[in-house]
Amino acid sequence: MLVLNCSTKLQMLEYMLMKNFPESLKVYGAVLNINRGNPFKKEVVVDSWPEFKAVITRRKREAESDDLDYFTNAYAVFYKDLQAYQALLENPETINWEQVFQIQGLQDGLYKASIAVAVPSQVDVKESLFQMVIHPNPDALPDVKLLLDPAPNLVSLDVSHASLLNETWSRGGSEQCRKYLANLICCFPSVCILDEDGHPISWGLTDQFATMIHGYTLPEHRRKGYNRLIATILAKKLHNRGFPAQGNVLEDNIPSITLLKSMNAQFLHCQFVRLIHTPLHFLPTPHL
């Protein structure tokens, strides 16, 4: 196991990952953020260099950590050889298996490798699958003009909005999630529409893997084109900074899929895989 600390090597890795699209997209997004200031305090682990067979991005060990915060304790992975990746998982220096954490990637073997290591380690693994989408050329998206009076008040999200985002996100509801969202707002691009009283009514933001997430409009403000406006602006903002405009969506989220298709988003052949790992001692004790 090697930790890549050299900026030259990290720049090389960025270009090497581009040759393995789309399966390497999650790691690529994380590496882009590392190479552009590293606001989320991440680092890169490889099995070997420069001919790596597996690469993992993780939170720096010296960064503040909450054992129950699987939002922040998140790893992006890409492998060329599944056995090399599993060997990295088995190395106690790579991942802290005493925490609740998640693994994200776009390859079929991720669940198999996690189960092989998790079962003897007494760790539960929950898999979620999503459709992965990307806007190949956000600059070609037409500007969205809404015939509303007054015109939408567009700003970036503020950390004070984190509680509302936590309440409305399908994965939200915990204090760990609220803190995570506040951190994302501080670190990465976002777009928000405020009402006349300065309260958020529609928004989208970006996560530590440069993925567009939590696009949402309050129910009483829907069917006005806000989601399209937010998605278009955020995609262009990411593209102008050199980031891919990528996202993921559940297969049964028909409104979001319809919107993405109307924006000519490309649905990738590989699924986005999210694996939540929970040590058994953190799971609630079943009632007999």
C-alpha atoms as a PDB file:
ATOM      1  CA  MET A   1       0.000   0.000   0.000  1.00  0.00           C
ATOM      2  CA  LEU A   2       1.255   3.459  -0.946  1.00  0.00           C
ATOM      3  CA  VAL A   3      -0.124   6.895  -0.069  1.00  0.00           C
ATOM      4  CA  LEU A   4       0.381   9.334  -2.944  1.00  0.00           C
ATOM      5  CA  ASN A   5       1.486  12.625  -1.412  1.00  0.00           C
ATOM      6  CA  CYS A   6       3.463  13.983  -4.361  1.00  0.00           C
ATOM      7  CA  SER A   7       1.559  16.632  -6.332  1.00  0.00           C
ATOM      8  CA  THR A   8       3.232  15.513  -9.574  1.00  0.00           C
ATOM      9  CA  LYS A   9       2.088  11.919  -9.058  1.00  0.00           C
ATOM     10  CA  LEU A  10      -1.432  13.065  -8.179  1.00  0.00           C
ATOM     11  CA  GLN A  11      -1.541  15.108 -11.385  1.00  0.00           C
ATOM     12  CA  MET A  12      -0.380  12.054 -13.316  1.00  0.00           C
ATOM     13  CA  LEU A  13      -3.086   9.972 -11.646  1.00  0.00           C
ATOM     14  CA  GLU A  14      -5.726  12.449 -12.751  1.00  0.00           C
ATOM     15  CA  TYR A  15      -4.823  11.904 -16.402  1.00  0.00           C
ATOM     16  CA  MET A  16      -4.450   8.137 -15.957  1.00  0.00           C
ATOM     17  CA  LEU A  17      -7.959   7.926 -14.519  1.00  0.00           C
ATOM     18  CA  MET A  18      -9.369   9.790 -17.519  1.00  0.00           C
ATOM     19  CA  LYS A  19      -8.326   6.833 -19.682  1.00  0.00           C
ATOM     20  CA  ASN A  20     -10.580   4.550 -17.630  1.00  0.00           C
ATOM     21  CA  PHE A  21     -13.860   6.457 -17.901  1.00  0.00           C
ATOM     22  CA  PRO A  22     -16.589   5.915 -16.959  1.00  0.00           C
ATOM     23  CA  GLU A  23     -15.705   3.321 -14.290  1.00  0.00           C
ATOM     24  CA  SER A  24     -13.117   5.631 -12.691  1.00  0.00           C
ATOM     25  CA  LEU A  25     -15.391   8.699 -12.499  1.00  0.00           C
ATOM     26  CA  LYS A  26     -15.952   8.666  -8.711  1.00  0.00           C
ATOM     27  CA  VAL A  27     -12.231   8.429  -7.948  1.00  0.00           C
ATOM     28  CA  TYR A  28     -11.501  10.992 -10.670  1.00  0.00           C
ATOM     29  CA  GLY A  29     -13.865  13.515  -9.071  1.00  0.00           C
ATOM     30  CA  ALA A  30     -12.233  13.019  -5.666  1.00  0.00           C
ATOM     31  CA  VAL A  31      -8.735  13.394  -7.134  1.00  0.00           C
ATOM     32  CA  LEU A  32      -9.773  16.600  -8.924  1.00  0.00           C
ATOM     33  CA  ASN A  33     -10.817  18.057  -5.580  1.00  0.00           C
ATOM     34  CA  ILE A  34      -7.541  16.936  -3.981  1.00  0.00           C
ATOM     35  CA  ASN A  35      -5.533  18.566  -6.767  1.00  0.00           C
ATOM     36  CA  ARG A  36      -7.520  21.805  -6.485  1.00  0.00           C
ATOM     37  CA  GLY A  37      -6.970  22.714  -2.869  1.00  0.00           C
ATOM     38  CA  ASN A  38      -8.185  19.539  -1.143  1.00  0.00           C
ATOM     39  CA  PRO A  39     -10.908  21.277   0.933  1.00  0.00           C
ATOM     40  CA  PHE A  40     -12.256  17.951   2.239  1.00  0.00           C
ATOM     41  CA  LYS A  41      -8.880  16.703   3.540  1.00  0.00           C
ATOM     42  CA  LYS A  42      -8.671  13.597   1.360  1.00  0.00           C
ATOM     43  CA  GLU A  43      -5.738  11.457   0.220  1.00  0.00           C
ATOM     44  CA  VAL A  44      -5.065   8.707  -2.309  1.00  0.00           C
ATOM     45  CA  VAL A  45      -3.981   5.117  -1.655  1.00  0.00           C
ATOM     46  CA  VAL A  46      -2.741   2.770  -4.408  1.00  0.00           C
ATOM     47  CA  ASP A  47      -1.498  -0.798  -4.367  1.00  0.00           C
ATOM     48  CA  SER A  48       1.592   0.165  -6.415  1.00  0.00           C
ATOM     49  CA  TRP A  49       2.946   2.980  -8.533  1.00  0.00           C
ATOM     50  CA  PRO A  50       2.931   3.909 -11.349  1.00  0.00           C
ATOM     51  CA  GLU A  51       1.430   0.639 -12.613  1.00  0.00           C
ATOM     52  CA  PHE A  52      -1.405   0.584 -10.086  1.00  0.00           C
ATOM     53  CA  LYS A  53      -4.125  -2.068 -10.121  1.00  0.00           C
ATOM     54  CA  ALA A  54      -6.347  -0.471  -7.467  1.00  0.00           C
ATOM     55  CA  VAL A  55      -6.832   3.062  -6.149  1.00  0.00           C
ATOM     56  CA  ILE A  56      -8.827   4.321  -3.158  1.00  0.00           C
ATOM     57  CA  THR A  57      -9.487   7.884  -2.005  1.00  0.00           C
ATOM     58  CA  ARG A  58     -10.091   8.336   1.703  1.00  0.00           C
ATOM     59  CA  ARG A  59     -10.258  10.933   4.456  1.00  0.00           C
ATOM     60  CA  LYS A  60      -6.824  11.786   5.868  1.00  0.00           C
ATOM     61  CA  ARG A  61      -6.210   9.895   9.083  1.00  0.00           C
ATOM     62  CA  GLU A  62      -5.315  13.065  10.990  1.00  0.00           C
ATOM     63  CA  ALA A  63      -8.613  14.743  10.015  1.00  0.00           C
ATOM     64  CA  GLU A  64     -11.381  14.910  12.618  1.00  0.00           C
ATOM     65  CA  SER A  65     -13.567  11.817  12.458  1.00  0.00           C
ATOM     66  CA  ASP A  66     -16.883  10.590  13.896  1.00  0.00           C
ATOM     67  CA  ASP A  67     -17.172   6.791  13.950  1.00  0.00           C
ATOM     68  CA  LEU A  68     -20.891   6.987  13.067  1.00  0.00           C
ATOM     69  CA  ASP A  69     -20.522   9.493  10.209  1.00  0.00           C
ATOM     70  CA  TYR A  70     -20.591   7.330   7.100  1.00  0.00           C
ATOM     71  CA  PHE A  71     -21.231  10.473   5.024  1.00  0.00           C
ATOM     72  CA  THR A  72     -17.761  11.854   5.712  1.00  0.00           C
ATOM     73  CA  ASN A  73     -16.112   8.445   6.213  1.00  0.00           C
ATOM     74  CA  ALA A  74     -16.470   7.749   2.498  1.00  0.00           C
ATOM     75  CA  TYR A  75     -14.116   6.036   0.070  1.00  0.00           C
ATOM     76  CA  ALA A  76     -14.142   6.197  -3.724  1.00  0.00           C
ATOM     77  CA  VAL A  77     -12.583   3.167  -5.409  1.00  0.00           C
ATOM     78  CA  PHE A  78     -11.466   2.004  -8.843  1.00  0.00           C
ATOM     79  CA  TYR A  79      -9.662  -1.187  -9.706  1.00  0.00           C
ATOM     80  CA  LYS A  80      -8.102  -2.799 -12.743  1.00  0.00           C
ATOM     81  CA  ASP A  81      -7.684  -6.076 -10.880  1.00  0.00           C
ATOM     82  CA  LEU A  82     -10.313  -7.201  -8.366  1.00  0.00           C
ATOM     83  CA  GLN A  83      -7.883  -9.299  -6.316  1.00  0.00           C
ATOM     84  CA  ALA A  84      -5.523  -6.341  -5.948  1.00  0.00           C
ATOM     85  CA  TYR A  85      -8.440  -4.223  -4.739  1.00  0.00           C
ATOM     86  CA  GLN A  86      -9.555  -6.860  -2.244  1.00  0.00           C
ATOM     87  CA  ALA A  87      -5.983  -7.084  -0.936  1.00  0.00           C
ATOM     88  CA  LEU A  88      -6.098  -3.327  -0.292  1.00  0.00           C
ATOM     89  CA  LEU A  89      -9.358  -3.764   1.632  1.00  0.00           C
ATOM     90  CA  GLU A  90      -7.791  -6.511   3.745  1.00  0.00           C
ATOM     91  CA  ASN A  91      -4.830  -4.316   4.638  1.00  0.00           C
ATOM     92  CA  PRO A  92      -5.648  -2.794   8.087  1.00  0.00           C
ATOM     93  CA  GLU A  93      -3.701   0.334   7.092  1.00  0.00           C
ATOM     94  CA  THR A  94      -6.136   1.157   4.268  1.00  0.00           C
ATOM     95  CA  ILE A  95      -9.598   1.376   5.860  1.00  0.00           C
ATOM     96  CA  ASN A  96     -10.781   1.815   9.430  1.00  0.00           C
ATOM     97  CA  TRP A  97     -13.181  -1.129   9.776  1.00  0.00           C
ATOM     98  CA  GLU A  98     -14.085  -0.036  13.319  1.00  0.00           C
ATOM     99  CA  GLN A  99     -16.096   2.875  11.888  1.00  0.00           C
ATOM    100  CA  VAL A 100     -19.342   3.058   9.969  1.00  0.00           C
ATOM    101  CA  PHE A 101     -18.263   3.985   6.445  1.00  0.00           C
ATOM    102  CA  GLN A 102     -19.287   3.878   2.805  1.00  0.00           C
ATOM    103  CA  ILE A 103     -17.584   2.832  -0.412  1.00  0.00           C
ATOM    104  CA  GLN A 104     -18.575   4.371  -3.738  1.00  0.00           C
ATOM    105  CA  GLY A 105     -17.676   3.195  -7.212  1.00  0.00           C
ATOM    106  CA  LEU A 106     -18.935   2.109 -10.615  1.00  0.00           C
ATOM    107  CA  GLN A 107     -17.838  -1.538 -10.826  1.00  0.00           C
ATOM    108  CA  ASP A 108     -19.683  -4.804 -10.259  1.00  0.00           C
ATOM    109  CA  GLY A 109     -17.031  -6.440  -8.082  1.00  0.00           C
ATOM    110  CA  LEU A 110     -17.205  -3.937  -5.228  1.00  0.00           C
ATOM    111  CA  TYR A 111     -19.929  -5.735  -3.285  1.00  0.00           C
ATOM    112  CA  LYS A 112     -18.243  -9.123  -3.647  1.00  0.00           C
ATOM    113  CA  ALA A 113     -14.940  -7.763  -2.351  1.00  0.00           C
ATOM    114  CA  SER A 114     -16.601  -5.981   0.583  1.00  0.00           C
ATOM    115  CA  ILE A 115     -18.511  -9.082   1.644  1.00  0.00           C
ATOM    116  CA  ALA A 116     -15.340 -11.195   1.509  1.00  0.00           C
ATOM    117  CA  VAL A 117     -13.640  -8.871   3.997  1.00  0.00           C
ATOM    118  CA  ALA A 118     -16.666  -7.742   6.025  1.00  0.00           C
ATOM    119  CA  VAL A 119     -18.095 -11.116   7.058  1.00  0.00           C
ATOM    120  CA  PRO A 120     -15.001 -12.332   8.955  1.00  0.00           C
ATOM    121  CA  SER A 121     -14.616  -8.810  10.379  1.00  0.00           C
ATOM    122  CA  GLN A 122     -18.205  -8.861  11.720  1.00  0.00           C
ATOM    123  CA  VAL A 123     -19.295  -5.914   9.599  1.00  0.00           C
ATOM    124  CA  ASP A 124     -22.708  -5.576   7.917  1.00  0.00           C
ATOM    125  CA  VAL A 125     -22.801  -4.379   4.289  1.00  0.00           C
ATOM    126  CA  LYS A 126     -25.814  -2.716   2.659  1.00  0.00           C
ATOM    127  CA  GLU A 127     -25.754  -2.170  -1.107  1.00  0.00           C
ATOM    128  CA  SER A 128     -27.650   0.554  -2.997  1.00  0.00           C
ATOM    129  CA  LEU A 129     -27.635   0.821  -6.794  1.00  0.00           C
ATOM    130  CA  PHE A 130     -28.303   3.929  -8.879  1.00  0.00           C
ATOM    131  CA  GLN A 131     -28.250   4.973 -12.506  1.00  0.00           C
ATOM    132  CA  MET A 132     -25.164   7.056 -13.242  1.00  0.00           C
ATOM    133  CA  VAL A 133     -25.575  10.075 -15.512  1.00  0.00           C
ATOM    134  CA  ILE A 134     -23.275  12.714 -16.964  1.00  0.00           C
ATOM    135  CA  HIS A 135     -23.810  15.851 -19.031  1.00  0.00           C
ATOM    136  CA  PRO A 136     -21.231  15.416 -21.824  1.00  0.00           C
ATOM    137  CA  ASN A 137     -21.267  19.105 -22.807  1.00  0.00           C
ATOM    138  CA  PRO A 138     -22.961  21.411 -20.279  1.00  0.00           C
ATOM    139  CA  ASP A 139     -21.996  24.484 -22.303  1.00  0.00           C
ATOM    140  CA  ALA A 140     -24.423  23.265 -24.975  1.00  0.00           C
ATOM    141  CA  LEU A 141     -27.337  23.324 -22.529  1.00  0.00           C
ATOM    142  CA  PRO A 142     -29.652  26.251 -23.337  1.00  0.00           C
ATOM    143  CA  ASP A 143     -29.986  28.901 -20.660  1.00  0.00           C
ATOM    144  CA  VAL A 144     -33.209  28.488 -18.722  1.00  0.00           C
ATOM    145  CA  LYS A 145     -35.387  31.604 -18.758  1.00  0.00           C
ATOM    146  CA  LEU A 146     -38.326  31.513 -16.360  1.00  0.00           C
ATOM    147  CA  LEU A 147     -41.175  33.952 -16.968  1.00  0.00           C
ATOM    148  CA  LEU A 148     -41.710  34.681 -13.307  1.00  0.00           C
ATOM    149  CA  ASP A 149     -42.252  37.931 -11.445  1.00  0.00           C
ATOM    150  CA  PRO A 150     -40.139  38.551  -9.517  1.00  0.00           C
ATOM    151  CA  ALA A 151     -37.244  36.779 -11.235  1.00  0.00           C
ATOM    152  CA  PRO A 152     -35.628  33.956  -9.207  1.00  0.00           C
ATOM    153  CA  ASN A 153     -33.072  35.159  -6.656  1.00  0.00           C
ATOM    154  CA  LEU A 154     -30.077  32.904  -7.406  1.00  0.00           C
ATOM    155  CA  VAL A 155     -27.273  32.541  -4.867  1.00  0.00           C
ATOM    156  CA  SER A 156     -24.968  29.861  -3.474  1.00  0.00           C
ATOM    157  CA  LEU A 157     -26.150  27.868  -0.476  1.00  0.00           C
ATOM    158  CA  ASP A 158     -25.172  29.158   2.964  1.00  0.00           C
ATOM    159  CA  VAL A 159     -24.118  27.006   5.902  1.00  0.00           C
ATOM    160  CA  SER A 160     -27.240  28.218   7.739  1.00  0.00           C
ATOM    161  CA  HIS A 161     -29.301  26.240   5.189  1.00  0.00           C
ATOM    162  CA  ALA A 162     -27.819  22.885   6.247  1.00  0.00           C
ATOM    163  CA  SER A 163     -30.657  22.018   8.645  1.00  0.00           C
ATOM    164  CA  LEU A 164     -33.300  22.454   5.919  1.00  0.00           C
ATOM    165  CA  LEU A 165     -31.264  20.316   3.513  1.00  0.00           C
ATOM    166  CA  ASN A 166     -30.890  17.664   6.189  1.00  0.00           C
ATOM    167  CA  GLU A 167     -34.655  17.581   6.763  1.00  0.00           C
ATOM    168  CA  THR A 168     -35.497  17.248   3.059  1.00  0.00           C
ATOM    169  CA  TRP A 169     -32.792  14.824   1.874  1.00  0.00           C
ATOM    170  CA  SER A 170     -33.793  11.164   1.553  1.00  0.00           C
ATOM    171  CA  ARG A 171     -30.552  10.213   3.336  1.00  0.00           C
ATOM    172  CA  GLY A 172     -30.837  12.962   5.956  1.00  0.00           C
ATOM    173  CA  GLY A 173     -32.231  13.277   9.447  1.00  0.00           C
ATOM    174  CA  SER A 174     -29.132  12.786  11.576  1.00  0.00           C
ATOM    175  CA  GLU A 175     -26.736  15.250  13.166  1.00  0.00           C
ATOM    176  CA  GLN A 176     -23.891  13.606  11.255  1.00  0.00           C
ATOM    177  CA  CYS A 177     -25.692  14.328   7.988  1.00  0.00           C
ATOM    178  CA  ARG A 178     -26.376  17.951   8.944  1.00  0.00           C
ATOM    179  CA  LYS A 179     -22.693  18.556   9.711  1.00  0.00           C
ATOM    180  CA  TYR A 180     -21.697  16.816   6.482  1.00  0.00           C
ATOM    181  CA  LEU A 181     -24.022  18.977   4.386  1.00  0.00           C
ATOM    182  CA  ALA A 182     -22.730  22.109   6.116  1.00  0.00           C
ATOM    183  CA  ASN A 183     -19.189  21.034   5.219  1.00  0.00           C
ATOM    184  CA  LEU A 184     -20.150  20.435   1.587  1.00  0.00           C
ATOM    185  CA  ILE A 185     -21.731  23.890   1.398  1.00  0.00           C
ATOM    186  CA  CYS A 186     -18.503  25.438   2.693  1.00  0.00           C
ATOM    187  CA  CYS A 187     -16.233  23.467   0.358  1.00  0.00           C
ATOM    188  CA  PHE A 188     -17.926  22.916  -3.008  1.00  0.00           C
ATOM    189  CA  PRO A 189     -20.113  24.616  -5.658  1.00  0.00           C
ATOM    190  CA  SER A 190     -23.846  24.944  -5.053  1.00  0.00           C
ATOM    191  CA  VAL A 191     -26.839  26.867  -6.412  1.00  0.00           C
ATOM    192  CA  CYS A 192     -29.909  28.006  -4.499  1.00  0.00           C
ATOM    193  CA  ILE A 193     -33.085  30.014  -5.173  1.00  0.00           C
ATOM    194  CA  LEU A 194     -34.348  32.190  -2.307  1.00  0.00           C
ATOM    195  CA  ASP A 195     -37.903  33.381  -1.827  1.00  0.00           C
ATOM    196  CA  GLU A 196     -38.797  37.006  -1.086  1.00  0.00           C
ATOM    197  CA  ASP A 197     -38.022  36.466   2.600  1.00  0.00           C
ATOM    198  CA  GLY A 198     -34.573  35.028   1.895  1.00  0.00           C
ATOM    199  CA  HIS A 199     -35.494  31.391   2.555  1.00  0.00           C
ATOM    200  CA  PRO A 200     -34.280  28.582   0.240  1.00  0.00           C
ATOM    201  CA  ILE A 201     -36.993  27.075  -1.961  1.00  0.00           C
ATOM    202  CA  SER A 202     -34.901  25.135  -4.512  1.00  0.00           C
ATOM    203  CA  TRP A 203     -31.250  24.012  -4.591  1.00  0.00           C
ATOM    204  CA  GLY A 204     -28.527  21.645  -5.727  1.00  0.00           C
ATOM    205  CA  LEU A 205     -25.023  21.055  -4.406  1.00  0.00           C
ATOM    206  CA  THR A 206     -21.839  19.072  -5.010  1.00  0.00           C
ATOM    207  CA  ASP A 207     -20.229  16.385  -2.881  1.00  0.00           C
ATOM    208  CA  GLN A 208     -16.656  15.298  -2.119  1.00  0.00           C
ATOM    209  CA  PHE A 209     -16.568  13.196  -5.317  1.00  0.00           C
ATOM    210  CA  ALA A 210     -17.573  16.166  -7.508  1.00  0.00           C
ATOM    211  CA  THR A 211     -21.057  14.650  -7.906  1.00  0.00           C
ATOM    212  CA  MET A 212     -24.199  16.779  -8.173  1.00  0.00           C
ATOM    213  CA  ILE A 213     -26.493  15.734  -5.293  1.00  0.00           C
ATOM    214  CA  HIS A 214     -29.707  16.623  -3.449  1.00  0.00           C
ATOM    215  CA  GLY A 215     -31.414  18.553  -6.208  1.00  0.00           C
ATOM    216  CA  TYR A 216     -34.639  19.552  -4.492  1.00  0.00           C
ATOM    217  CA  THR A 217     -37.531  22.000  -4.654  1.00  0.00           C
ATOM    218  CA  LEU A 218     -39.971  22.510  -1.783  1.00  0.00           C
ATOM    219  CA  PRO A 219     -43.355  20.933  -2.734  1.00  0.00           C
ATOM    220  CA  GLU A 220     -45.268  24.220  -2.743  1.00  0.00           C
ATOM    221  CA  HIS A 221     -42.835  25.712  -5.296  1.00  0.00           C
ATOM    222  CA  ARG A 222     -42.710  22.859  -7.832  1.00  0.00           C
ATOM    223  CA  ARG A 223     -43.721  22.869 -11.513  1.00  0.00           C
ATOM    224  CA  LYS A 224     -42.093  26.251 -12.129  1.00  0.00           C
ATOM    225  CA  GLY A 225     -38.887  25.034 -13.810  1.00  0.00           C
ATOM    226  CA  TYR A 226     -36.657  25.547 -10.774  1.00  0.00           C
ATOM    227  CA  ASN A 227     -35.058  22.083 -10.915  1.00  0.00           C
ATOM    228  CA  ARG A 228     -34.048  22.544 -14.550  1.00  0.00           C
ATOM    229  CA  LEU A 229     -32.662  26.002 -13.814  1.00  0.00           C
ATOM    230  CA  ILE A 230     -30.625  24.777 -10.829  1.00  0.00           C
ATOM    231  CA  ALA A 231     -29.297  21.683 -12.658  1.00  0.00           C
ATOM    232  CA  THR A 232     -28.282  23.720 -15.710  1.00  0.00           C
ATOM    233  CA  ILE A 233     -26.458  26.401 -13.727  1.00  0.00           C
ATOM    234  CA  LEU A 234     -24.673  23.899 -11.484  1.00  0.00           C
ATOM    235  CA  ALA A 235     -23.617  21.687 -14.421  1.00  0.00           C
ATOM    236  CA  LYS A 236     -22.143  24.697 -16.227  1.00  0.00           C
ATOM    237  CA  LYS A 237     -20.431  25.908 -13.075  1.00  0.00           C
ATOM    238  CA  LEU A 238     -18.727  22.533 -12.599  1.00  0.00           C
ATOM    239  CA  HIS A 239     -17.785  22.269 -16.274  1.00  0.00           C
ATOM    240  CA  ASN A 240     -16.230  25.749 -16.255  1.00  0.00           C
ATOM    241  CA  ARG A 241     -14.034  24.658 -13.330  1.00  0.00           C
ATOM    242  CA  GLY A 242     -12.841  21.601 -15.214  1.00  0.00           C
ATOM    243  CA  PHE A 243     -15.067  19.079 -13.424  1.00  0.00           C
ATOM    244  CA  PRO A 244     -17.385  16.509 -15.019  1.00  0.00           C
ATOM    245  CA  ALA A 245     -21.076  17.316 -14.554  1.00  0.00           C
ATOM    246  CA  GLN A 246     -22.047  13.955 -13.089  1.00  0.00           C
ATOM    247  CA  GLY A 247     -24.858  12.681 -10.910  1.00  0.00           C
ATOM    248  CA  ASN A 248     -26.810   9.590  -9.954  1.00  0.00           C
ATOM    249  CA  VAL A 249     -30.486   8.781  -9.659  1.00  0.00           C
ATOM    250  CA  LEU A 250     -32.641   5.910  -8.382  1.00  0.00           C
ATOM    251  CA  GLU A 251     -34.284   3.891 -11.137  1.00  0.00           C
ATOM    252  CA  ASP A 252     -37.767   4.608  -9.780  1.00  0.00           C
ATOM    253  CA  ASN A 253     -37.255   8.386  -9.586  1.00  0.00           C
ATOM    254  CA  ILE A 254     -39.240   9.020 -12.757  1.00  0.00           C
ATOM    255  CA  PRO A 255     -39.481  12.862 -12.460  1.00  0.00           C
ATOM    256  CA  SER A 256     -35.681  13.221 -12.160  1.00  0.00           C
ATOM    257  CA  ILE A 257     -35.020  10.732 -14.972  1.00  0.00           C
ATOM    258  CA  THR A 258     -37.490  12.573 -17.227  1.00  0.00           C
ATOM    259  CA  LEU A 259     -35.792  15.890 -16.473  1.00  0.00           C
ATOM    260  CA  LEU A 260     -32.311  14.476 -17.110  1.00  0.00           C
ATOM    261  CA  LYS A 261     -33.357  12.936 -20.423  1.00  0.00           C
ATOM    262  CA  SER A 262     -34.888  16.233 -21.528  1.00  0.00           C
ATOM    263  CA  MET A 263     -31.511  17.850 -20.794  1.00  0.00           C
ATOM    264  CA  ASN A 264     -29.742  15.255 -22.995  1.00  0.00           C
ATOM    265  CA  ALA A 265     -27.887  13.753 -20.051  1.00  0.00           C
ATOM    266  CA  GLN A 266     -26.018  10.554 -20.882  1.00  0.00           C
ATOM    267  CA  PHE A 267     -27.047   7.486 -18.854  1.00  0.00           C
ATOM    268  CA  LEU A 268     -23.923   5.356 -18.390  1.00  0.00           C
ATOM    269  CA  HIS A 269     -23.785   1.594 -18.859  1.00  0.00           C
ATOM    270  CA  CYS A 270     -22.258   1.083 -15.400  1.00  0.00           C
ATOM    271  CA  GLN A 271     -24.302   1.455 -12.230  1.00  0.00           C
ATOM    272  CA  PHE A 272     -23.288   3.621  -9.318  1.00  0.00           C
ATOM    273  CA  VAL A 273     -22.705   1.371  -6.306  1.00  0.00           C
ATOM    274  CA  ARG A 274     -22.899   2.658  -2.717  1.00  0.00           C
ATOM    275  CA  LEU A 275     -21.961   0.239   0.054  1.00  0.00           C
ATOM    276  CA  ILE A 276     -22.661   1.165   3.686  1.00  0.00           C
ATOM    277  CA  HIS A 277     -20.444  -0.799   6.099  1.00  0.00           C
ATOM    278  CA  THR A 278     -21.568  -1.008   9.731  1.00  0.00           C
ATOM    279  CA  PRO A 279     -19.672  -2.930  12.430  1.00  0.00           C
ATOM    280  CA  LEU A 280     -22.170  -5.228  14.131  1.00  0.00           C
ATOM    281  CA  HIS A 281     -21.677  -3.596  17.532  1.00  0.00           C
ATOM    282  CA  PHE A 282     -23.174  -0.373  16.073  1.00  0.00           C
ATOM    283  CA  LEU A 283     -26.353  -2.099  14.914  1.00  0.00           C
ATOM    284  CA  PRO A 284     -29.416  -1.993  17.187  1.00  0.00           C
ATOM    285  CA  THR A 285     -29.953  -5.134  19.243  1.00  0.00           C
ATOM    286  CA  PRO A 286     -33.013  -7.038  17.946  1.00  0.00           C
ATOM    287  CA  HIS A 287     -35.902  -7.443  20.384  1.00  0.00           C
ATOM    288  CA  LEU A 288     -36.733 -11.058  21.171  1.00  0.00           C
END
